[in-house]
Amino acid sequence: MNMHVAIPTTDRTLLPRALIRRTPATPLNMETGAYQRPTDLPPPVEVRRYKFRLGAYVQFHDFVGVVIDRSATSAGRQVYVIEIIGESYGRPVRCLQGHALSRAATPVFNPAA
């Protein structure tokens, strides 16, 4: 239930983190030291070798698609964005983890059909 009541205290540590207003990084804040970069962010994960290259044909269950983007999660898992070729049931672009994909042969397109 939302009460929409002004909080009379200035102690904001009792509020949930989502409700605490954070000051944005501005040049003035950075000069005075009022803004500090969050230190709890994980370091970026580097993948030495991806399972699929960009433009590769992959298979996800009965679907064949093309890899259009790839990245890594903070846990080191590979995430691929693929575009489904043919019938996609309303979802032509999907985001999948690398272990759910397998290599597919180059599809043969029939322009006469």
PDB file of N, CA and C in Angstrom:
ATOM      1  N   MET A   1       0.842  -1.163   0.000  1.00  0.00           N
ATOM      2  CA  MET A   1       0.000   0.000   0.000  1.00  0.00           C
ATOM      3  C   MET A   1       0.893   1.233   0.000  1.00  0.00           C
ATOM      4  N   ASN A   2       0.629   2.143  -0.888  1.00  0.00           N
ATOM      5  CA  ASN A   2       1.376   3.398  -0.960  1.00  0.00           C
ATOM      6  C   ASN A   2       0.683   4.451  -0.125  1.00  0.00           C
ATOM      7  N   MET A   3       1.444   5.114   0.739  1.00  0.00           N
ATOM      8  CA  MET A   3       0.845   6.107   1.618  1.00  0.00           C
ATOM      9  C   MET A   3       1.085   7.521   1.123  1.00  0.00           C
ATOM     10  N   HIS A   4       2.067   7.746   0.249  1.00  0.00           N
ATOM     11  CA  HIS A   4       2.364   9.062  -0.308  1.00  0.00           C
ATOM     12  C   HIS A   4       2.465  10.128   0.775  1.00  0.00           C
ATOM     13  N   VAL A   5       3.219   9.810   1.798  1.00  0.00           N
ATOM     14  CA  VAL A   5       3.420  10.726   2.914  1.00  0.00           C
ATOM     15  C   VAL A   5       4.874  11.154   2.899  1.00  0.00           C
ATOM     16  N   ALA A   6       5.121  12.424   3.120  1.00  0.00           N
ATOM     17  CA  ALA A   6       6.490  12.908   3.179  1.00  0.00           C
ATOM     18  C   ALA A   6       7.184  12.313   4.393  1.00  0.00           C
ATOM     19  N   ILE A   7       8.403  11.862   4.195  1.00  0.00           N
ATOM     20  CA  ILE A   7       9.155  11.273   5.291  1.00  0.00           C
ATOM     21  C   ILE A   7       9.765  12.423   6.098  1.00  0.00           C
ATOM     22  N   PRO A   8       9.417  12.529   7.397  1.00  0.00           N
ATOM     23  CA  PRO A   8       9.852  13.690   8.175  1.00  0.00           C
ATOM     24  C   PRO A   8      11.322  13.658   8.566  1.00  0.00           C
ATOM     25  N   THR A   9      11.974  12.567   8.473  1.00  0.00           N
ATOM     26  CA  THR A   9      13.361  12.485   8.920  1.00  0.00           C
ATOM     27  C   THR A   9      14.317  12.685   7.749  1.00  0.00           C
ATOM     28  N   THR A  10      15.513  13.125   8.053  1.00  0.00           N
ATOM     29  CA  THR A  10      16.523  13.282   7.014  1.00  0.00           C
ATOM     30  C   THR A  10      17.410  12.052   6.919  1.00  0.00           C
ATOM     31  N   ASP A  11      17.210  11.096   7.814  1.00  0.00           N
ATOM     32  CA  ASP A  11      17.991   9.863   7.770  1.00  0.00           C
ATOM     33  C   ASP A  11      17.405   8.953   6.695  1.00  0.00           C
ATOM     34  N   ARG A  12      18.093   8.898   5.560  1.00  0.00           N
ATOM     35  CA  ARG A  12      17.574   8.125   4.446  1.00  0.00           C
ATOM     36  C   ARG A  12      18.119   6.706   4.416  1.00  0.00           C
ATOM     37  N   THR A  13      18.897   6.318   5.413  1.00  0.00           N
ATOM     38  CA  THR A  13      19.474   4.975   5.408  1.00  0.00           C
ATOM     39  C   THR A  13      18.425   3.909   5.664  1.00  0.00           C
ATOM     40  N   LEU A  14      17.270   4.292   6.182  1.00  0.00           N
ATOM     41  CA  LEU A  14      16.219   3.319   6.453  1.00  0.00           C
ATOM     42  C   LEU A  14      15.378   3.024   5.214  1.00  0.00           C
ATOM     43  N   LEU A  15      15.568   3.801   4.167  1.00  0.00           N
ATOM     44  CA  LEU A  15      14.804   3.579   2.939  1.00  0.00           C
ATOM     45  C   LEU A  15      15.404   2.444   2.117  1.00  0.00           C
ATOM     46  N   PRO A  16      14.584   1.779   1.307  1.00  0.00           N
ATOM     47  CA  PRO A  16      15.142   0.803   0.373  1.00  0.00           C
ATOM     48  C   PRO A  16      16.062   1.506  -0.619  1.00  0.00           C
ATOM     49  N   ARG A  17      17.049   0.781  -1.148  1.00  0.00           N
ATOM     50  CA  ARG A  17      18.032   1.392  -2.042  1.00  0.00           C
ATOM     51  C   ARG A  17      17.388   2.006  -3.277  1.00  0.00           C
ATOM     52  N   ALA A  18      16.289   1.429  -3.753  1.00  0.00           N
ATOM     53  CA  ALA A  18      15.643   1.939  -4.960  1.00  0.00           C
ATOM     54  C   ALA A  18      15.040   3.324  -4.738  1.00  0.00           C
ATOM     55  N   LEU A  19      14.730   3.677  -3.505  1.00  0.00           N
ATOM     56  CA  LEU A  19      14.104   4.961  -3.222  1.00  0.00           C
ATOM     57  C   LEU A  19      15.105   6.048  -2.871  1.00  0.00           C
ATOM     58  N   ILE A  20      16.362   5.693  -2.631  1.00  0.00           N
ATOM     59  CA  ILE A  20      17.365   6.688  -2.288  1.00  0.00           C
ATOM     60  C   ILE A  20      17.822   7.383  -3.563  1.00  0.00           C
ATOM     61  N   ARG A  21      17.692   8.686  -3.565  1.00  0.00           N
ATOM     62  CA  ARG A  21      18.070   9.461  -4.749  1.00  0.00           C
ATOM     63  C   ARG A  21      19.585   9.550  -4.823  1.00  0.00           C
ATOM     64  N   ARG A  22      20.113   9.196  -5.977  1.00  0.00           N
ATOM     65  CA  ARG A  22      21.551   9.267  -6.178  1.00  0.00           C
ATOM     66  C   ARG A  22      21.874  10.515  -6.969  1.00  0.00           C
ATOM     67  N   THR A  23      22.965  11.154  -6.623  1.00  0.00           N
ATOM     68  CA  THR A  23      23.352  12.352  -7.353  1.00  0.00           C
ATOM     69  C   THR A  23      24.054  11.944  -8.640  1.00  0.00           C
ATOM     70  N   PRO A  24      23.659  12.539  -9.750  1.00  0.00           N
ATOM     71  CA  PRO A  24      24.317  12.192 -11.013  1.00  0.00           C
ATOM     72  C   PRO A  24      25.720  12.771 -11.067  1.00  0.00           C
ATOM     73  N   ALA A  25      26.519  12.206 -11.940  1.00  0.00           N
ATOM     74  CA  ALA A  25      27.898  12.683 -12.093  1.00  0.00           C
ATOM     75  C   ALA A  25      27.892  13.927 -12.955  1.00  0.00           C
ATOM     76  N   THR A  26      28.247  15.038 -12.365  1.00  0.00           N
ATOM     77  CA  THR A  26      28.404  16.297 -13.090  1.00  0.00           C
ATOM     78  C   THR A  26      29.829  16.785 -12.861  1.00  0.00           C
ATOM     79  N   PRO A  27      30.325  17.675 -13.707  1.00  0.00           N
ATOM     80  CA  PRO A  27      31.693  18.169 -13.479  1.00  0.00           C
ATOM     81  C   PRO A  27      31.881  18.802 -12.104  1.00  0.00           C
ATOM     82  N   LEU A  28      30.859  19.500 -11.591  1.00  0.00           N
ATOM     83  CA  LEU A  28      30.975  20.127 -10.279  1.00  0.00           C
ATOM     84  C   LEU A  28      31.072  19.075  -9.177  1.00  0.00           C
ATOM     85  N   ASN A  29      30.245  18.023  -9.267  1.00  0.00           N
ATOM     86  CA  ASN A  29      30.291  16.952  -8.276  1.00  0.00           C
ATOM     87  C   ASN A  29      31.627  16.226  -8.303  1.00  0.00           C
ATOM     88  N   MET A  30      32.173  16.050  -9.483  1.00  0.00           N
ATOM     89  CA  MET A  30      33.419  15.312  -9.592  1.00  0.00           C
ATOM     90  C   MET A  30      34.589  16.139  -9.062  1.00  0.00           C
ATOM     91  N   GLU A  31      34.526  17.480  -9.201  1.00  0.00           N
ATOM     92  CA  GLU A  31      35.584  18.340  -8.665  1.00  0.00           C
ATOM     93  C   GLU A  31      35.579  18.339  -7.146  1.00  0.00           C
ATOM     94  N   THR A  32      34.389  18.444  -6.568  1.00  0.00           N
ATOM     95  CA  THR A  32      34.298  18.538  -5.115  1.00  0.00           C
ATOM     96  C   THR A  32      34.404  17.184  -4.436  1.00  0.00           C
ATOM     97  N   GLY A  33      34.256  16.117  -5.187  1.00  0.00           N
ATOM     98  CA  GLY A  33      34.332  14.779  -4.609  1.00  0.00           C
ATOM     99  C   GLY A  33      33.016  14.286  -4.069  1.00  0.00           C
ATOM    100  N   ALA A  34      31.898  15.004  -4.343  1.00  0.00           N
ATOM    101  CA  ALA A  34      30.600  14.574  -3.847  1.00  0.00           C
ATOM    102  C   ALA A  34      30.121  13.316  -4.569  1.00  0.00           C
ATOM    103  N   TYR A  35      30.499  13.190  -5.832  1.00  0.00           N
ATOM    104  CA  TYR A  35      30.109  11.991  -6.578  1.00  0.00           C
ATOM    105  C   TYR A  35      31.252  10.992  -6.522  1.00  0.00           C
ATOM    106  N   GLN A  36      30.917   9.775  -6.162  1.00  0.00           N
ATOM    107  CA  GLN A  36      31.904   8.703  -6.167  1.00  0.00           C
ATOM    108  C   GLN A  36      31.348   7.550  -6.979  1.00  0.00           C
ATOM    109  N   ARG A  37      32.184   7.015  -7.851  1.00  0.00           N
ATOM    110  CA  ARG A  37      31.763   5.915  -8.712  1.00  0.00           C
ATOM    111  C   ARG A  37      31.464   4.695  -7.850  1.00  0.00           C
ATOM    112  N   PRO A  38      30.379   3.964  -8.152  1.00  0.00           N
ATOM    113  CA  PRO A  38      30.081   2.758  -7.370  1.00  0.00           C
ATOM    114  C   PRO A  38      31.223   1.758  -7.467  1.00  0.00           C
ATOM    115  N   THR A  39      31.595   1.199  -6.334  1.00  0.00           N
ATOM    116  CA  THR A  39      32.700   0.249  -6.313  1.00  0.00           C
ATOM    117  C   THR A  39      32.224  -1.191  -6.345  1.00  0.00           C
ATOM    118  N   ASP A  40      30.928  -1.405  -6.233  1.00  0.00           N
ATOM    119  CA  ASP A  40      30.430  -2.775  -6.197  1.00  0.00           C
ATOM    120  C   ASP A  40      30.137  -3.341  -7.586  1.00  0.00           C
ATOM    121  N   LEU A  41      30.503  -2.638  -8.646  1.00  0.00           N
ATOM    122  CA  LEU A  41      30.301  -3.158  -9.990  1.00  0.00           C
ATOM    123  C   LEU A  41      31.360  -4.212 -10.293  1.00  0.00           C
ATOM    124  N   PRO A  42      30.956  -5.336 -10.898  1.00  0.00           N
ATOM    125  CA  PRO A  42      31.952  -6.353 -11.220  1.00  0.00           C
ATOM    126  C   PRO A  42      32.830  -5.899 -12.381  1.00  0.00           C
ATOM    127  N   PRO A  43      34.039  -6.391 -12.456  1.00  0.00           N
ATOM    128  CA  PRO A  43      34.889  -6.031 -13.595  1.00  0.00           C
ATOM    129  C   PRO A  43      34.339  -6.645 -14.874  1.00  0.00           C
ATOM    130  N   PRO A  44      34.580  -6.029 -16.028  1.00  0.00           N
ATOM    131  CA  PRO A  44      34.065  -6.596 -17.269  1.00  0.00           C
ATOM    132  C   PRO A  44      34.713  -7.947 -17.551  1.00  0.00           C
ATOM    133  N   VAL A  45      33.908  -8.876 -18.060  1.00  0.00           N
ATOM    134  CA  VAL A  45      34.383 -10.221 -18.354  1.00  0.00           C
ATOM    135  C   VAL A  45      34.877 -10.266 -19.788  1.00  0.00           C
ATOM    136  N   GLU A  46      36.070 -10.778 -19.974  1.00  0.00           N
ATOM    137  CA  GLU A  46      36.602 -10.916 -21.321  1.00  0.00           C
ATOM    138  C   GLU A  46      36.529 -12.380 -21.725  1.00  0.00           C
ATOM    139  N   VAL A  47      36.005 -12.626 -22.912  1.00  0.00           N
ATOM    140  CA  VAL A  47      35.909 -13.980 -23.440  1.00  0.00           C
ATOM    141  C   VAL A  47      37.049 -14.168 -24.420  1.00  0.00           C
ATOM    142  N   ARG A  48      37.871 -15.164 -24.167  1.00  0.00           N
ATOM    143  CA  ARG A  48      39.004 -15.396 -25.061  1.00  0.00           C
ATOM    144  C   ARG A  48      38.560 -15.936 -26.411  1.00  0.00           C
ATOM    145  N   ARG A  49      37.586 -16.809 -26.394  1.00  0.00           N
ATOM    146  CA  ARG A  49      37.141 -17.388 -27.655  1.00  0.00           C
ATOM    147  C   ARG A  49      35.636 -17.650 -27.587  1.00  0.00           C
ATOM    148  N   TYR A  50      34.902 -17.025 -28.501  1.00  0.00           N
ATOM    149  CA  TYR A  50      33.467 -17.251 -28.576  1.00  0.00           C
ATOM    150  C   TYR A  50      33.189 -18.548 -29.317  1.00  0.00           C
ATOM    151  N   LYS A  51      32.063 -19.161 -29.005  1.00  0.00           N
ATOM    152  CA  LYS A  51      31.679 -20.414 -29.648  1.00  0.00           C
ATOM    153  C   LYS A  51      31.272 -20.181 -31.098  1.00  0.00           C
ATOM    154  N   PHE A  52      30.609 -19.031 -31.377  1.00  0.00           N
ATOM    155  CA  PHE A  52      30.135 -18.719 -32.730  1.00  0.00           C
ATOM    156  C   PHE A  52      30.593 -17.319 -33.116  1.00  0.00           C
ATOM    157  N   ARG A  53      30.922 -17.126 -34.373  1.00  0.00           N
ATOM    158  CA  ARG A  53      31.321 -15.817 -34.868  1.00  0.00           C
ATOM    159  C   ARG A  53      30.065 -15.060 -35.304  1.00  0.00           C
ATOM    160  N   LEU A  54      30.202 -13.766 -35.516  1.00  0.00           N
ATOM    161  CA  LEU A  54      29.085 -12.968 -36.018  1.00  0.00           C
ATOM    162  C   LEU A  54      28.779 -13.415 -37.446  1.00  0.00           C
ATOM    163  N   GLY A  55      27.513 -13.581 -37.761  1.00  0.00           N
ATOM    164  CA  GLY A  55      27.106 -14.017 -39.093  1.00  0.00           C
ATOM    165  C   GLY A  55      27.042 -15.525 -39.252  1.00  0.00           C
ATOM    166  N   ALA A  56      27.382 -16.282 -38.209  1.00  0.00           N
ATOM    167  CA  ALA A  56      27.345 -17.744 -38.299  1.00  0.00           C
ATOM    168  C   ALA A  56      25.899 -18.234 -38.228  1.00  0.00           C
ATOM    169  N   TYR A  57      25.634 -19.331 -38.920  1.00  0.00           N
ATOM    170  CA  TYR A  57      24.322 -19.962 -38.865  1.00  0.00           C
ATOM    171  C   TYR A  57      24.290 -20.913 -37.677  1.00  0.00           C
ATOM    172  N   VAL A  58      23.261 -20.763 -36.848  1.00  0.00           N
ATOM    173  CA  VAL A  58      23.122 -21.584 -35.649  1.00  0.00           C
ATOM    174  C   VAL A  58      21.730 -22.200 -35.614  1.00  0.00           C
ATOM    175  N   GLN A  59      21.613 -23.264 -34.832  1.00  0.00           N
ATOM    176  CA  GLN A  59      20.328 -23.943 -34.691  1.00  0.00           C
ATOM    177  C   GLN A  59      19.912 -23.910 -33.240  1.00  0.00           C
ATOM    178  N   PHE A  60      18.661 -23.533 -33.021  1.00  0.00           N
ATOM    179  CA  PHE A  60      18.050 -23.521 -31.694  1.00  0.00           C
ATOM    180  C   PHE A  60      16.762 -24.318 -31.802  1.00  0.00           C
ATOM    181  N   HIS A  61      16.744 -25.522 -31.263  1.00  0.00           N
ATOM    182  CA  HIS A  61      15.650 -26.485 -31.426  1.00  0.00           C
ATOM    183  C   HIS A  61      15.364 -26.670 -32.916  1.00  0.00           C
ATOM    184  N   ASP A  62      14.186 -26.285 -33.399  1.00  0.00           N
ATOM    185  CA  ASP A  62      13.840 -26.450 -34.816  1.00  0.00           C
ATOM    186  C   ASP A  62      14.135 -25.198 -35.634  1.00  0.00           C
ATOM    187  N   PHE A  63      14.634 -24.159 -35.015  1.00  0.00           N
ATOM    188  CA  PHE A  63      14.854 -22.895 -35.700  1.00  0.00           C
ATOM    189  C   PHE A  63      16.300 -22.766 -36.172  1.00  0.00           C
ATOM    190  N   VAL A  64      16.464 -22.159 -37.335  1.00  0.00           N
ATOM    191  CA  VAL A  64      17.796 -21.817 -37.838  1.00  0.00           C
ATOM    192  C   VAL A  64      17.875 -20.295 -37.842  1.00  0.00           C
ATOM    193  N   GLY A  65      18.993 -19.772 -37.346  1.00  0.00           N
ATOM    194  CA  GLY A  65      19.138 -18.331 -37.265  1.00  0.00           C
ATOM    195  C   GLY A  65      20.555 -17.890 -37.550  1.00  0.00           C
ATOM    196  N   VAL A  66      20.740 -16.572 -37.568  1.00  0.00           N
ATOM    197  CA  VAL A  66      22.040 -15.961 -37.821  1.00  0.00           C
ATOM    198  C   VAL A  66      22.434 -15.168 -36.577  1.00  0.00           C
ATOM    199  N   VAL A  67      23.683 -15.305 -36.141  1.00  0.00           N
ATOM    200  CA  VAL A  67      24.178 -14.562 -34.984  1.00  0.00           C
ATOM    201  C   VAL A  67      24.376 -13.108 -35.400  1.00  0.00           C
ATOM    202  N   ILE A  68      23.687 -12.179 -34.708  1.00  0.00           N
ATOM    203  CA  ILE A  68      23.822 -10.765 -35.042  1.00  0.00           C
ATOM    204  C   ILE A  68      24.547  -9.980 -33.954  1.00  0.00           C
ATOM    205  N   ASP A  69      24.684 -10.563 -32.749  1.00  0.00           N
ATOM    206  CA  ASP A  69      25.427  -9.898 -31.679  1.00  0.00           C
ATOM    207  C   ASP A  69      25.811 -10.948 -30.651  1.00  0.00           C
ATOM    208  N   ARG A  70      26.871 -10.673 -29.904  1.00  0.00           N
ATOM    209  CA  ARG A  70      27.307 -11.589 -28.863  1.00  0.00           C
ATOM    210  C   ARG A  70      27.949 -10.794 -27.742  1.00  0.00           C
ATOM    211  N   SER A  71      27.841 -11.329 -26.526  1.00  0.00           N
ATOM    212  CA  SER A  71      28.435 -10.677 -25.366  1.00  0.00           C
ATOM    213  C   SER A  71      28.628 -11.729 -24.286  1.00  0.00           C
ATOM    214  N   ALA A  72      29.131 -11.292 -23.141  1.00  0.00           N
ATOM    215  CA  ALA A  72      29.358 -12.203 -22.016  1.00  0.00           C
ATOM    216  C   ALA A  72      28.670 -11.649 -20.780  1.00  0.00           C
ATOM    217  N   THR A  73      28.182 -12.552 -19.929  1.00  0.00           N
ATOM    218  CA  THR A  73      27.581 -12.133 -18.669  1.00  0.00           C
ATOM    219  C   THR A  73      28.685 -11.931 -17.641  1.00  0.00           C
ATOM    220  N   SER A  74      28.327 -11.440 -16.481  1.00  0.00           N
ATOM    221  CA  SER A  74      29.323 -11.236 -15.432  1.00  0.00           C
ATOM    222  C   SER A  74      29.835 -12.563 -14.891  1.00  0.00           C
ATOM    223  N   ALA A  75      29.104 -13.650 -15.136  1.00  0.00           N
ATOM    224  CA  ALA A  75      29.543 -14.973 -14.713  1.00  0.00           C
ATOM    225  C   ALA A  75      30.400 -15.654 -15.770  1.00  0.00           C
ATOM    226  N   GLY A  76      30.576 -15.006 -16.929  1.00  0.00           N
ATOM    227  CA  GLY A  76      31.418 -15.563 -17.981  1.00  0.00           C
ATOM    228  C   GLY A  76      30.681 -16.385 -19.010  1.00  0.00           C
ATOM    229  N   ARG A  77      29.358 -16.427 -18.950  1.00  0.00           N
ATOM    230  CA  ARG A  77      28.594 -17.185 -19.943  1.00  0.00           C
ATOM    231  C   ARG A  77      28.442 -16.366 -21.211  1.00  0.00           C
ATOM    232  N   GLN A  78      28.403 -17.056 -22.337  1.00  0.00           N
ATOM    233  CA  GLN A  78      28.277 -16.382 -23.619  1.00  0.00           C
ATOM    234  C   GLN A  78      26.795 -16.209 -23.960  1.00  0.00           C
ATOM    235  N   VAL A  79      26.440 -14.995 -24.356  1.00  0.00           N
ATOM    236  CA  VAL A  79      25.066 -14.667 -24.724  1.00  0.00           C
ATOM    237  C   VAL A  79      25.064 -14.227 -26.178  1.00  0.00           C
ATOM    238  N   TYR A  80      24.178 -14.814 -26.965  1.00  0.00           N
ATOM    239  CA  TYR A  80      24.094 -14.518 -28.391  1.00  0.00           C
ATOM    240  C   TYR A  80      22.718 -13.974 -28.725  1.00  0.00           C
ATOM    241  N   VAL A  81      22.679 -12.973 -29.600  1.00  0.00           N
ATOM    242  CA  VAL A  81      21.427 -12.457 -30.143  1.00  0.00           C
ATOM    243  C   VAL A  81      21.354 -12.996 -31.560  1.00  0.00           C
ATOM    244  N   ILE A  82      20.289 -13.757 -31.844  1.00  0.00           N
ATOM    245  CA  ILE A  82      20.157 -14.357 -33.173  1.00  0.00           C
ATOM    246  C   ILE A  82      18.877 -13.879 -33.832  1.00  0.00           C
ATOM    247  N   GLU A  83      18.912 -13.846 -35.149  1.00  0.00           N
ATOM    248  CA  GLU A  83      17.728 -13.522 -35.936  1.00  0.00           C
ATOM    249  C   GLU A  83      17.279 -14.806 -36.608  1.00  0.00           C
ATOM    250  N   ILE A  84      16.038 -15.202 -36.335  1.00  0.00           N
ATOM    251  CA  ILE A  84      15.482 -16.453 -36.858  1.00  0.00           C
ATOM    252  C   ILE A  84      15.195 -16.302 -38.350  1.00  0.00           C
ATOM    253  N   ILE A  85      15.583 -17.308 -39.117  1.00  0.00           N
ATOM    254  CA  ILE A  85      15.300 -17.338 -40.558  1.00  0.00           C
ATOM    255  C   ILE A  85      14.019 -18.138 -40.750  1.00  0.00           C
ATOM    256  N   GLY A  86      13.083 -17.586 -41.490  1.00  0.00           N
ATOM    257  CA  GLY A  86      11.822 -18.292 -41.748  1.00  0.00           C
ATOM    258  C   GLY A  86      10.784 -17.979 -40.685  1.00  0.00           C
ATOM    259  N   GLU A  87       9.945 -18.946 -40.376  1.00  0.00           N
ATOM    260  CA  GLU A  87       8.854 -18.755 -39.417  1.00  0.00           C
ATOM    261  C   GLU A  87       9.414 -18.623 -38.014  1.00  0.00           C
ATOM    262  N   SER A  88       9.091 -17.512 -37.340  1.00  0.00           N
ATOM    263  CA  SER A  88       9.645 -17.255 -36.010  1.00  0.00           C
ATOM    264  C   SER A  88       8.575 -17.146 -34.934  1.00  0.00           C
ATOM    265  N   TYR A  89       7.310 -17.347 -35.290  1.00  0.00           N
ATOM    266  CA  TYR A  89       6.196 -17.288 -34.344  1.00  0.00           C
ATOM    267  C   TYR A  89       6.145 -15.957 -33.598  1.00  0.00           C
ATOM    268  N   GLY A  90       6.369 -14.862 -34.337  1.00  0.00           N
ATOM    269  CA  GLY A  90       6.247 -13.532 -33.757  1.00  0.00           C
ATOM    270  C   GLY A  90       7.463 -13.041 -33.007  1.00  0.00           C
ATOM    271  N   ARG A  91       8.531 -13.811 -32.960  1.00  0.00           N
ATOM    272  CA  ARG A  91       9.751 -13.390 -32.259  1.00  0.00           C
ATOM    273  C   ARG A  91      10.951 -13.616 -33.172  1.00  0.00           C
ATOM    274  N   PRO A  92      11.190 -12.711 -34.113  1.00  0.00           N
ATOM    275  CA  PRO A  92      12.280 -12.928 -35.063  1.00  0.00           C
ATOM    276  C   PRO A  92      13.674 -12.763 -34.465  1.00  0.00           C
ATOM    277  N   VAL A  93      13.795 -12.044 -33.358  1.00  0.00           N
ATOM    278  CA  VAL A  93      15.102 -11.852 -32.724  1.00  0.00           C
ATOM    279  C   VAL A  93      15.031 -12.432 -31.319  1.00  0.00           C
ATOM    280  N   ARG A  94      16.007 -13.277 -31.003  1.00  0.00           N
ATOM    281  CA  ARG A  94      16.023 -13.906 -29.682  1.00  0.00           C
ATOM    282  C   ARG A  94      17.396 -13.788 -29.056  1.00  0.00           C
ATOM    283  N   CYS A  95      17.423 -13.752 -27.748  1.00  0.00           N
ATOM    284  CA  CYS A  95      18.666 -13.664 -26.980  1.00  0.00           C
ATOM    285  C   CYS A  95      18.828 -14.987 -26.235  1.00  0.00           C
ATOM    286  N   LEU A  96      19.930 -15.710 -26.530  1.00  0.00           N
ATOM    287  CA  LEU A  96      20.112 -17.052 -25.996  1.00  0.00           C
ATOM    288  C   LEU A  96      21.524 -17.230 -25.470  1.00  0.00           C
ATOM    289  N   GLN A  97      21.670 -18.167 -24.545  1.00  0.00           N
ATOM    290  CA  GLN A  97      23.004 -18.514 -24.073  1.00  0.00           C
ATOM    291  C   GLN A  97      23.647 -19.484 -25.052  1.00  0.00           C
ATOM    292  N   GLY A  98      24.966 -19.496 -25.065  1.00  0.00           N
ATOM    293  CA  GLY A  98      25.709 -20.280 -26.037  1.00  0.00           C
ATOM    294  C   GLY A  98      25.486 -21.775 -25.939  1.00  0.00           C
ATOM    295  N   HIS A  99      25.225 -22.296 -24.741  1.00  0.00           N
ATOM    296  CA  HIS A  99      25.053 -23.736 -24.609  1.00  0.00           C
ATOM    297  C   HIS A  99      23.746 -24.230 -25.232  1.00  0.00           C
ATOM    298  N   ALA A 100      22.801 -23.334 -25.504  1.00  0.00           N
ATOM    299  CA  ALA A 100      21.525 -23.726 -26.106  1.00  0.00           C
ATOM    300  C   ALA A 100      21.590 -23.766 -27.626  1.00  0.00           C
ATOM    301  N   LEU A 101      22.704 -23.330 -28.208  1.00  0.00           N
ATOM    302  CA  LEU A 101      22.846 -23.261 -29.656  1.00  0.00           C
ATOM    303  C   LEU A 101      23.794 -24.331 -30.161  1.00  0.00           C
ATOM    304  N   SER A 102      23.588 -24.720 -31.423  1.00  0.00           N
ATOM    305  CA  SER A 102      24.510 -25.638 -32.089  1.00  0.00           C
ATOM    306  C   SER A 102      24.742 -25.131 -33.503  1.00  0.00           C
ATOM    307  N   ARG A 103      25.787 -25.615 -34.138  1.00  0.00           N
ATOM    308  CA  ARG A 103      26.105 -25.184 -35.498  1.00  0.00           C
ATOM    309  C   ARG A 103      25.060 -25.716 -36.467  1.00  0.00           C
ATOM    310  N   ALA A 104      24.783 -24.923 -37.484  1.00  0.00           N
ATOM    311  CA  ALA A 104      23.822 -25.330 -38.507  1.00  0.00           C
ATOM    312  C   ALA A 104      24.473 -25.185 -39.870  1.00  0.00           C
ATOM    313  N   ALA A 105      24.040 -26.005 -40.798  1.00  0.00           N
ATOM    314  CA  ALA A 105      24.533 -25.899 -42.167  1.00  0.00           C
ATOM    315  C   ALA A 105      23.956 -24.648 -42.804  1.00  0.00           C
ATOM    316  N   THR A 106      24.654 -24.126 -43.793  1.00  0.00           N
ATOM    317  CA  THR A 106      24.169 -22.946 -44.499  1.00  0.00           C
ATOM    318  C   THR A 106      22.855 -23.278 -45.188  1.00  0.00           C
ATOM    319  N   PRO A 107      21.783 -22.541 -44.889  1.00  0.00           N
ATOM    320  CA  PRO A 107      20.499 -22.858 -45.507  1.00  0.00           C
ATOM    321  C   PRO A 107      20.523 -22.558 -47.004  1.00  0.00           C
ATOM    322  N   VAL A 108      19.775 -23.365 -47.767  1.00  0.00           N
ATOM    323  CA  VAL A 108      19.658 -23.171 -49.198  1.00  0.00           C
ATOM    324  C   VAL A 108      18.398 -22.371 -49.451  1.00  0.00           C
ATOM    325  N   PHE A 109      18.546 -21.201 -50.052  1.00  0.00           N
ATOM    326  CA  PHE A 109      17.402 -20.366 -50.349  1.00  0.00           C
ATOM    327  C   PHE A 109      16.913 -20.636 -51.764  1.00  0.00           C
ATOM    328  N   ASN A 110      15.633 -20.825 -51.904  1.00  0.00           N
ATOM    329  CA  ASN A 110      15.033 -21.105 -53.208  1.00  0.00           C
ATOM    330  C   ASN A 110      14.241 -19.874 -53.636  1.00  0.00           C
ATOM    331  N   PRO A 111      14.795 -19.031 -54.526  1.00  0.00           N
ATOM    332  CA  PRO A 111      14.067 -17.823 -54.903  1.00  0.00           C
ATOM    333  C   PRO A 111      12.812 -18.109 -55.720  1.00  0.00           C
ATOM    334  N   ALA A 112      12.700 -19.292 -56.325  1.00  0.00           N
ATOM    335  CA  ALA A 112      11.530 -19.620 -57.136  1.00  0.00           C
ATOM    336  C   ALA A 112      10.333 -19.987 -56.287  1.00  0.00           C
ATOM    337  N   ALA A 113      10.558 -20.319 -55.026  1.00  0.00           N
ATOM    338  CA  ALA A 113       9.454 -20.771 -54.176  1.00  0.00           C
ATOM    339  C   ALA A 113       8.649 -19.624 -53.636  1.00  0.00           C
TER     340      ALA A 113
END
